[in-house]
Amino acid sequence: MRDRAAAVSEPSASRNMESSVSAAGSPVAAGDYATARVAGGFVFTAGMTPRTDDGVLEPGVVGVDMSVERARELAGYAARRAVAAARDAAGDSLDGVVGLTVYLRTAPEFTAHSAVADGATEALRSEVGGAAPARAAVGVASLPSGAAVEVSAVFTTRH
């Protein structure tokens, strides 16, 4: 797993990581929940970690086990998974992104939350377009499967 994770940190491998989200299709829920729900003209996604069918791409603690830049890439990957789930739920009516929460597994002294979360914002704007969403970036002690980042988003739909 470590060798694979090291390989995706190279620029060309990062592009492959991005395209594998589209090729992989819909994220699958890891428990008793929906990956995305449409309600009242919005699409709400579950928390998405940077994972493939093989599991979390690179577990760890941001600022300890991985750099801010690497965590930023993983946040972008997780955000593209959120877009895939939202598109599956809303189809062609997906319009824009208005809310984003980025959870980061960090050491208590870590303070570069926004720099990591920018990776998710950039990925969402690249995939969906429009203005940057309202956003929260939150440091936590643990995330599912040891993931370093988790992203949850709120999208708008065309009526």
N, C-alpha and C. Protein backbone atom coordinates (compact mmCIF):
# COMPACT_ATOMS: atom_id res chain seq x y z
N MET A 1 0.83 -1.19 0.00
CA MET A 1 0.00 0.00 0.00
C MET A 1 0.86 1.24 0.00
N ARG A 2 1.94 1.26 0.77
CA ARG A 2 2.81 2.43 0.84
C ARG A 2 3.42 2.73 -0.52
N ASP A 3 3.84 1.68 -1.27
CA ASP A 3 4.44 1.92 -2.59
C ASP A 3 3.43 2.58 -3.52
N ARG A 4 2.19 2.12 -3.49
CA ARG A 4 1.15 2.71 -4.32
C ARG A 4 0.90 4.16 -3.93
N ALA A 5 0.86 4.42 -2.65
CA ALA A 5 0.63 5.79 -2.18
C ALA A 5 1.76 6.71 -2.60
N ALA A 6 3.00 6.22 -2.54
CA ALA A 6 4.13 7.03 -2.95
C ALA A 6 4.05 7.33 -4.45
N ALA A 7 3.59 6.35 -5.21
CA ALA A 7 3.51 6.54 -6.66
C ALA A 7 2.52 7.63 -7.04
N VAL A 8 1.39 7.73 -6.33
CA VAL A 8 0.40 8.72 -6.71
C VAL A 8 0.78 10.14 -6.32
N SER A 9 1.90 10.30 -5.60
CA SER A 9 2.31 11.66 -5.26
C SER A 9 3.03 12.35 -6.41
N GLU A 10 3.41 11.61 -7.44
CA GLU A 10 4.05 12.20 -8.61
C GLU A 10 2.99 12.89 -9.45
N PRO A 11 3.33 13.99 -10.16
CA PRO A 11 2.33 14.72 -10.92
C PRO A 11 1.56 13.87 -11.91
N SER A 12 2.21 13.02 -12.68
CA SER A 12 1.48 12.22 -13.65
C SER A 12 0.58 11.22 -12.96
N ALA A 13 1.00 10.68 -11.83
CA ALA A 13 0.17 9.75 -11.09
C ALA A 13 -1.02 10.48 -10.48
N SER A 14 -0.86 11.75 -10.09
CA SER A 14 -1.99 12.51 -9.56
C SER A 14 -3.06 12.67 -10.62
N ARG A 15 -2.67 12.87 -11.87
CA ARG A 15 -3.66 12.94 -12.94
C ARG A 15 -4.39 11.62 -13.06
N ASN A 16 -3.68 10.50 -12.97
CA ASN A 16 -4.33 9.20 -13.02
C ASN A 16 -5.28 9.03 -11.84
N MET A 17 -4.91 9.54 -10.67
CA MET A 17 -5.75 9.47 -9.49
C MET A 17 -7.05 10.22 -9.76
N GLU A 18 -6.97 11.38 -10.40
CA GLU A 18 -8.16 12.16 -10.71
C GLU A 18 -9.07 11.41 -11.67
N SER A 19 -8.51 10.83 -12.73
CA SER A 19 -9.34 10.17 -13.72
C SER A 19 -9.94 8.89 -13.18
N SER A 20 -9.31 8.26 -12.18
CA SER A 20 -9.86 7.02 -11.65
C SER A 20 -11.16 7.27 -10.89
N VAL A 21 -11.41 8.49 -10.47
CA VAL A 21 -12.69 8.78 -9.82
C VAL A 21 -13.80 8.63 -10.84
N SER A 22 -13.64 9.20 -12.02
CA SER A 22 -14.65 9.09 -13.05
C SER A 22 -14.81 7.65 -13.51
N ALA A 23 -13.70 6.95 -13.66
CA ALA A 23 -13.74 5.58 -14.14
C ALA A 23 -14.35 4.66 -13.11
N ALA A 24 -14.18 4.96 -11.84
CA ALA A 24 -14.66 4.07 -10.78
C ALA A 24 -16.17 4.15 -10.61
N GLY A 25 -16.80 5.24 -11.06
CA GLY A 25 -18.24 5.37 -10.89
C GLY A 25 -18.59 5.87 -9.50
N SER A 26 -19.76 5.47 -9.05
CA SER A 26 -20.30 5.96 -7.79
C SER A 26 -19.55 5.46 -6.58
N PRO A 27 -19.35 6.34 -5.61
CA PRO A 27 -18.85 5.85 -4.31
C PRO A 27 -19.91 4.94 -3.69
N VAL A 28 -19.46 3.93 -2.99
CA VAL A 28 -20.35 2.99 -2.32
C VAL A 28 -20.31 3.27 -0.83
N ALA A 29 -21.47 3.32 -0.20
CA ALA A 29 -21.54 3.56 1.23
C ALA A 29 -20.87 2.42 2.00
N ALA A 30 -20.15 2.79 3.05
CA ALA A 30 -19.45 1.80 3.87
C ALA A 30 -20.29 1.40 5.08
N GLY A 31 -21.54 1.80 5.12
CA GLY A 31 -22.43 1.50 6.23
C GLY A 31 -23.87 1.75 5.83
N ASP A 32 -24.72 1.96 6.79
CA ASP A 32 -26.16 2.14 6.56
C ASP A 32 -26.48 3.63 6.37
N TYR A 33 -26.10 4.16 5.21
CA TYR A 33 -26.36 5.56 4.88
C TYR A 33 -26.31 5.72 3.35
N ALA A 34 -26.85 6.82 2.87
CA ALA A 34 -26.80 7.15 1.44
C ALA A 34 -25.54 7.97 1.20
N THR A 35 -24.92 7.79 0.04
CA THR A 35 -23.75 8.61 -0.28
C THR A 35 -24.15 10.03 -0.66
N ALA A 36 -25.40 10.21 -1.12
CA ALA A 36 -25.92 11.55 -1.42
C ALA A 36 -27.44 11.49 -1.41
N ARG A 37 -28.06 12.62 -1.01
CA ARG A 37 -29.51 12.72 -0.99
C ARG A 37 -29.91 14.07 -1.57
N VAL A 38 -30.98 14.06 -2.36
CA VAL A 38 -31.55 15.28 -2.92
C VAL A 38 -32.73 15.67 -2.04
N ALA A 39 -32.76 16.96 -1.63
CA ALA A 39 -33.87 17.46 -0.82
C ALA A 39 -33.95 18.98 -0.98
N GLY A 40 -35.15 19.47 -1.28
CA GLY A 40 -35.39 20.90 -1.33
C GLY A 40 -34.50 21.67 -2.29
N GLY A 41 -34.15 21.08 -3.42
CA GLY A 41 -33.31 21.76 -4.40
C GLY A 41 -31.82 21.68 -4.12
N PHE A 42 -31.45 20.89 -3.12
CA PHE A 42 -30.04 20.71 -2.76
C PHE A 42 -29.67 19.23 -2.82
N VAL A 43 -28.37 18.97 -2.97
CA VAL A 43 -27.83 17.62 -2.85
C VAL A 43 -26.83 17.64 -1.72
N PHE A 44 -27.05 16.79 -0.73
CA PHE A 44 -26.18 16.68 0.43
C PHE A 44 -25.38 15.38 0.30
N THR A 45 -24.07 15.47 0.39
CA THR A 45 -23.28 14.25 0.30
C THR A 45 -22.85 13.78 1.69
N ALA A 46 -22.64 12.49 1.78
CA ALA A 46 -22.03 11.91 2.97
C ALA A 46 -20.56 12.32 2.98
N GLY A 47 -19.89 12.05 4.05
CA GLY A 47 -18.45 12.29 4.09
C GLY A 47 -17.74 11.34 3.15
N MET A 48 -16.85 11.89 2.34
CA MET A 48 -16.09 11.10 1.37
C MET A 48 -14.61 11.15 1.73
N THR A 49 -14.03 9.98 1.86
CA THR A 49 -12.59 9.89 2.09
C THR A 49 -11.91 9.57 0.77
N PRO A 50 -10.62 9.79 0.68
CA PRO A 50 -9.90 9.47 -0.56
C PRO A 50 -9.63 7.96 -0.63
N ARG A 51 -10.57 7.24 -1.23
CA ARG A 51 -10.45 5.79 -1.29
C ARG A 51 -10.77 5.27 -2.67
N THR A 52 -10.30 4.07 -2.92
CA THR A 52 -10.63 3.31 -4.12
C THR A 52 -11.24 2.00 -3.65
N ASP A 53 -11.48 1.09 -4.55
CA ASP A 53 -12.00 -0.23 -4.17
C ASP A 53 -11.03 -0.95 -3.23
N ASP A 54 -9.76 -0.59 -3.28
CA ASP A 54 -8.74 -1.22 -2.44
C ASP A 54 -8.65 -0.62 -1.05
N GLY A 55 -9.38 0.46 -0.78
CA GLY A 55 -9.35 1.11 0.53
C GLY A 55 -8.82 2.53 0.45
N VAL A 56 -8.53 3.10 1.61
CA VAL A 56 -8.03 4.47 1.69
C VAL A 56 -6.69 4.57 0.98
N LEU A 57 -6.53 5.60 0.15
CA LEU A 57 -5.31 5.75 -0.63
C LEU A 57 -4.07 5.89 0.24
N GLU A 58 -4.16 6.72 1.25
CA GLU A 58 -2.99 6.97 2.09
C GLU A 58 -3.43 7.39 3.49
N PRO A 59 -3.56 6.42 4.41
CA PRO A 59 -3.95 6.79 5.76
C PRO A 59 -2.83 7.57 6.45
N GLY A 60 -3.20 8.33 7.45
CA GLY A 60 -2.17 9.04 8.20
C GLY A 60 -2.68 10.31 8.84
N VAL A 61 -1.74 11.01 9.46
CA VAL A 61 -2.01 12.25 10.16
C VAL A 61 -1.35 13.39 9.37
N VAL A 62 -2.15 14.38 9.01
CA VAL A 62 -1.63 15.51 8.25
C VAL A 62 -0.63 16.28 9.11
N GLY A 63 0.52 16.58 8.53
CA GLY A 63 1.56 17.30 9.24
C GLY A 63 2.50 16.39 10.01
N VAL A 64 2.14 15.10 10.11
CA VAL A 64 3.00 14.13 10.79
C VAL A 64 3.43 13.06 9.78
N ASP A 65 2.45 12.37 9.19
CA ASP A 65 2.73 11.29 8.24
C ASP A 65 2.77 11.77 6.80
N MET A 66 2.23 12.94 6.55
CA MET A 66 2.20 13.47 5.18
C MET A 66 2.25 14.98 5.19
N SER A 67 2.69 15.52 4.06
CA SER A 67 2.81 16.97 3.91
C SER A 67 1.45 17.61 3.69
N VAL A 68 1.40 18.91 3.87
CA VAL A 68 0.20 19.68 3.57
C VAL A 68 -0.16 19.51 2.09
N GLU A 69 0.84 19.55 1.21
CA GLU A 69 0.58 19.41 -0.22
C GLU A 69 -0.05 18.06 -0.55
N ARG A 70 0.46 17.00 0.04
CA ARG A 70 -0.10 15.67 -0.22
C ARG A 70 -1.53 15.58 0.31
N ALA A 71 -1.77 16.11 1.50
CA ALA A 71 -3.12 16.12 2.07
C ALA A 71 -4.07 16.94 1.19
N ARG A 72 -3.56 18.02 0.61
CA ARG A 72 -4.36 18.85 -0.31
C ARG A 72 -4.79 18.05 -1.53
N GLU A 73 -3.88 17.24 -2.08
CA GLU A 73 -4.21 16.36 -3.21
C GLU A 73 -5.28 15.35 -2.82
N LEU A 74 -5.14 14.77 -1.64
CA LEU A 74 -6.11 13.78 -1.17
C LEU A 74 -7.47 14.43 -0.92
N ALA A 75 -7.48 15.68 -0.45
CA ALA A 75 -8.74 16.40 -0.26
C ALA A 75 -9.43 16.63 -1.61
N GLY A 76 -8.65 16.93 -2.64
CA GLY A 76 -9.20 17.09 -3.98
C GLY A 76 -9.80 15.79 -4.50
N TYR A 77 -9.12 14.70 -4.25
CA TYR A 77 -9.63 13.38 -4.66
C TYR A 77 -10.95 13.07 -3.96
N ALA A 78 -11.01 13.31 -2.65
CA ALA A 78 -12.23 13.08 -1.89
C ALA A 78 -13.36 13.97 -2.40
N ALA A 79 -13.05 15.21 -2.73
CA ALA A 79 -14.07 16.14 -3.25
C ALA A 79 -14.62 15.66 -4.59
N ARG A 80 -13.76 15.10 -5.45
CA ARG A 80 -14.25 14.57 -6.72
C ARG A 80 -15.16 13.36 -6.49
N ARG A 81 -14.91 12.60 -5.44
CA ARG A 81 -15.82 11.50 -5.08
C ARG A 81 -17.17 12.06 -4.65
N ALA A 82 -17.18 13.19 -3.94
CA ALA A 82 -18.43 13.83 -3.54
C ALA A 82 -19.20 14.29 -4.77
N VAL A 83 -18.51 14.83 -5.76
CA VAL A 83 -19.18 15.23 -7.01
C VAL A 83 -19.79 14.02 -7.69
N ALA A 84 -19.07 12.91 -7.74
CA ALA A 84 -19.60 11.69 -8.37
C ALA A 84 -20.87 11.22 -7.67
N ALA A 85 -20.87 11.25 -6.34
CA ALA A 85 -22.06 10.85 -5.58
C ALA A 85 -23.22 11.81 -5.84
N ALA A 86 -22.93 13.11 -5.88
CA ALA A 86 -23.98 14.10 -6.12
C ALA A 86 -24.56 13.96 -7.52
N ARG A 87 -23.71 13.70 -8.50
CA ARG A 87 -24.20 13.52 -9.87
C ARG A 87 -25.05 12.27 -9.99
N ASP A 88 -24.68 11.22 -9.28
CA ASP A 88 -25.50 10.01 -9.28
C ASP A 88 -26.87 10.28 -8.69
N ALA A 89 -26.94 11.10 -7.66
CA ALA A 89 -28.20 11.41 -7.00
C ALA A 89 -29.05 12.39 -7.80
N ALA A 90 -28.42 13.40 -8.41
CA ALA A 90 -29.16 14.49 -9.05
C ALA A 90 -29.14 14.43 -10.57
N GLY A 91 -28.29 13.62 -11.14
CA GLY A 91 -28.20 13.55 -12.60
C GLY A 91 -27.76 14.87 -13.20
N ASP A 92 -28.36 15.20 -14.32
CA ASP A 92 -28.00 16.42 -15.05
C ASP A 92 -28.44 17.71 -14.36
N SER A 93 -29.21 17.58 -13.29
CA SER A 93 -29.70 18.80 -12.63
C SER A 93 -28.68 19.40 -11.66
N LEU A 94 -27.55 18.74 -11.43
CA LEU A 94 -26.52 19.30 -10.54
C LEU A 94 -26.06 20.64 -11.10
N ASP A 95 -26.08 21.67 -10.26
CA ASP A 95 -25.82 23.02 -10.75
C ASP A 95 -24.57 23.67 -10.18
N GLY A 96 -24.40 23.68 -8.89
CA GLY A 96 -23.25 24.34 -8.27
C GLY A 96 -23.02 23.80 -6.88
N VAL A 97 -21.96 24.26 -6.25
CA VAL A 97 -21.65 23.85 -4.88
C VAL A 97 -21.73 25.07 -3.97
N VAL A 98 -22.45 24.92 -2.84
CA VAL A 98 -22.64 26.06 -1.94
C VAL A 98 -22.05 25.85 -0.55
N GLY A 99 -21.80 24.60 -0.19
CA GLY A 99 -21.26 24.34 1.14
C GLY A 99 -20.24 23.21 1.10
N LEU A 100 -19.22 23.32 1.94
CA LEU A 100 -18.15 22.32 1.99
C LEU A 100 -17.61 22.24 3.41
N THR A 101 -17.50 21.01 3.90
CA THR A 101 -16.83 20.79 5.18
C THR A 101 -15.69 19.81 4.93
N VAL A 102 -14.50 20.18 5.36
CA VAL A 102 -13.31 19.35 5.20
C VAL A 102 -12.80 19.00 6.59
N TYR A 103 -12.80 17.70 6.88
CA TYR A 103 -12.28 17.21 8.16
C TYR A 103 -10.86 16.72 7.93
N LEU A 104 -9.96 17.10 8.82
CA LEU A 104 -8.55 16.74 8.69
C LEU A 104 -8.10 16.02 9.95
N ARG A 105 -7.50 14.87 9.77
CA ARG A 105 -6.92 14.14 10.90
C ARG A 105 -5.54 14.75 11.14
N THR A 106 -5.41 15.50 12.23
CA THR A 106 -4.19 16.27 12.46
C THR A 106 -3.70 16.11 13.90
N ALA A 107 -2.46 16.50 14.09
CA ALA A 107 -1.91 16.64 15.43
C ALA A 107 -2.50 17.92 16.03
N PRO A 108 -2.59 18.02 17.36
CA PRO A 108 -3.20 19.19 18.00
C PRO A 108 -2.56 20.52 17.60
N GLU A 109 -1.27 20.53 17.30
CA GLU A 109 -0.59 21.79 16.99
C GLU A 109 -0.69 22.20 15.52
N PHE A 110 -1.33 21.40 14.68
CA PHE A 110 -1.45 21.69 13.25
C PHE A 110 -2.36 22.90 13.04
N THR A 111 -1.98 23.82 12.14
CA THR A 111 -2.77 25.03 11.92
C THR A 111 -3.03 25.37 10.45
N ALA A 112 -2.57 24.54 9.51
CA ALA A 112 -2.71 24.87 8.08
C ALA A 112 -3.95 24.22 7.46
N HIS A 113 -5.04 24.18 8.20
CA HIS A 113 -6.27 23.56 7.73
C HIS A 113 -6.76 24.13 6.40
N SER A 114 -6.75 25.45 6.28
CA SER A 114 -7.25 26.08 5.06
C SER A 114 -6.43 25.72 3.83
N ALA A 115 -5.13 25.57 3.99
CA ALA A 115 -4.28 25.20 2.85
C ALA A 115 -4.65 23.82 2.32
N VAL A 116 -4.97 22.90 3.21
CA VAL A 116 -5.40 21.56 2.78
C VAL A 116 -6.79 21.64 2.16
N ALA A 117 -7.71 22.33 2.81
CA ALA A 117 -9.09 22.42 2.33
C ALA A 117 -9.18 23.09 0.96
N ASP A 118 -8.22 23.96 0.63
CA ASP A 118 -8.21 24.58 -0.70
C ASP A 118 -8.16 23.54 -1.81
N GLY A 119 -7.54 22.39 -1.56
CA GLY A 119 -7.51 21.33 -2.56
C GLY A 119 -8.90 20.82 -2.89
N ALA A 120 -9.76 20.70 -1.89
CA ALA A 120 -11.14 20.28 -2.11
C ALA A 120 -11.92 21.36 -2.85
N THR A 121 -11.75 22.61 -2.42
CA THR A 121 -12.44 23.71 -3.09
C THR A 121 -12.06 23.79 -4.57
N GLU A 122 -10.78 23.69 -4.85
CA GLU A 122 -10.32 23.76 -6.25
C GLU A 122 -10.89 22.61 -7.08
N ALA A 123 -10.93 21.42 -6.52
CA ALA A 123 -11.49 20.28 -7.25
C ALA A 123 -12.97 20.47 -7.54
N LEU A 124 -13.73 20.95 -6.55
CA LEU A 124 -15.16 21.18 -6.76
C LEU A 124 -15.40 22.24 -7.82
N ARG A 125 -14.65 23.33 -7.77
CA ARG A 125 -14.84 24.38 -8.76
C ARG A 125 -14.45 23.90 -10.15
N SER A 126 -13.44 23.06 -10.24
CA SER A 126 -13.02 22.50 -11.52
C SER A 126 -14.09 21.57 -12.09
N GLU A 127 -14.70 20.77 -11.23
CA GLU A 127 -15.70 19.79 -11.66
C GLU A 127 -17.07 20.40 -11.94
N VAL A 128 -17.48 21.37 -11.10
CA VAL A 128 -18.84 21.88 -11.15
C VAL A 128 -18.90 23.32 -11.65
N GLY A 129 -17.82 24.08 -11.44
CA GLY A 129 -17.80 25.49 -11.83
C GLY A 129 -18.43 26.36 -10.76
N GLY A 130 -18.49 27.64 -11.05
CA GLY A 130 -19.14 28.58 -10.14
C GLY A 130 -18.21 29.13 -9.07
N ALA A 131 -18.82 29.84 -8.15
CA ALA A 131 -18.09 30.50 -7.07
C ALA A 131 -17.64 29.48 -6.03
N ALA A 132 -16.68 29.88 -5.23
CA ALA A 132 -16.22 29.03 -4.14
C ALA A 132 -17.36 28.86 -3.13
N PRO A 133 -17.49 27.68 -2.53
CA PRO A 133 -18.55 27.45 -1.55
C PRO A 133 -18.20 28.06 -0.20
N ALA A 134 -19.21 28.22 0.65
CA ALA A 134 -18.95 28.49 2.06
C ALA A 134 -18.27 27.24 2.60
N ARG A 135 -17.30 27.41 3.51
CA ARG A 135 -16.49 26.25 3.88
C ARG A 135 -16.06 26.28 5.34
N ALA A 136 -15.99 25.09 5.91
CA ALA A 136 -15.38 24.90 7.23
C ALA A 136 -14.28 23.86 7.08
N ALA A 137 -13.16 24.07 7.75
CA ALA A 137 -12.06 23.11 7.78
C ALA A 137 -11.82 22.80 9.25
N VAL A 138 -11.97 21.53 9.62
CA VAL A 138 -11.99 21.13 11.02
C VAL A 138 -10.94 20.05 11.29
N GLY A 139 -10.12 20.25 12.30
CA GLY A 139 -9.17 19.25 12.71
C GLY A 139 -9.82 18.26 13.66
N VAL A 140 -9.56 16.96 13.44
CA VAL A 140 -10.14 15.92 14.29
C VAL A 140 -9.06 14.90 14.66
N ALA A 141 -9.36 14.08 15.66
CA ALA A 141 -8.40 13.08 16.14
C ALA A 141 -8.39 11.82 15.28
N SER A 142 -9.53 11.46 14.67
CA SER A 142 -9.57 10.26 13.84
C SER A 142 -10.64 10.39 12.78
N LEU A 143 -10.47 9.61 11.71
CA LEU A 143 -11.43 9.55 10.61
C LEU A 143 -11.59 8.08 10.21
N PRO A 144 -12.66 7.75 9.49
CA PRO A 144 -12.89 6.36 9.08
C PRO A 144 -11.69 5.76 8.34
N SER A 145 -11.37 4.53 8.66
CA SER A 145 -10.30 3.76 8.03
C SER A 145 -8.93 4.42 8.13
N GLY A 146 -8.77 5.34 9.08
CA GLY A 146 -7.48 6.00 9.25
C GLY A 146 -7.19 7.08 8.21
N ALA A 147 -8.22 7.47 7.45
CA ALA A 147 -8.04 8.50 6.42
C ALA A 147 -7.51 9.78 7.02
N ALA A 148 -6.76 10.53 6.22
CA ALA A 148 -6.22 11.82 6.65
C ALA A 148 -7.21 12.95 6.42
N VAL A 149 -8.12 12.78 5.44
CA VAL A 149 -9.11 13.81 5.12
C VAL A 149 -10.46 13.17 4.83
N GLU A 150 -11.51 13.95 5.06
CA GLU A 150 -12.87 13.56 4.69
C GLU A 150 -13.59 14.83 4.27
N VAL A 151 -14.38 14.74 3.20
CA VAL A 151 -15.04 15.90 2.61
C VAL A 151 -16.54 15.64 2.51
N SER A 152 -17.33 16.61 2.89
CA SER A 152 -18.78 16.57 2.74
C SER A 152 -19.20 17.87 2.06
N ALA A 153 -20.11 17.77 1.07
CA ALA A 153 -20.47 18.97 0.31
C ALA A 153 -21.98 19.10 0.15
N VAL A 154 -22.42 20.33 -0.12
CA VAL A 154 -23.81 20.63 -0.42
C VAL A 154 -23.83 21.31 -1.79
N PHE A 155 -24.60 20.74 -2.69
CA PHE A 155 -24.73 21.25 -4.06
C PHE A 155 -26.13 21.78 -4.30
N THR A 156 -26.28 22.64 -5.28
CA THR A 156 -27.59 23.09 -5.72
C THR A 156 -27.98 22.32 -6.98
N THR A 157 -29.30 22.30 -7.25
CA THR A 157 -29.79 21.66 -8.47
C THR A 157 -30.59 22.68 -9.27
N ARG A 158 -30.68 22.43 -10.57
CA ARG A 158 -31.56 23.22 -11.43
C ARG A 158 -32.95 22.61 -11.31
N HIS A 159 -33.94 23.43 -11.14
CA HIS A 159 -35.31 22.92 -10.92
C HIS A 159 -35.96 22.54 -12.21
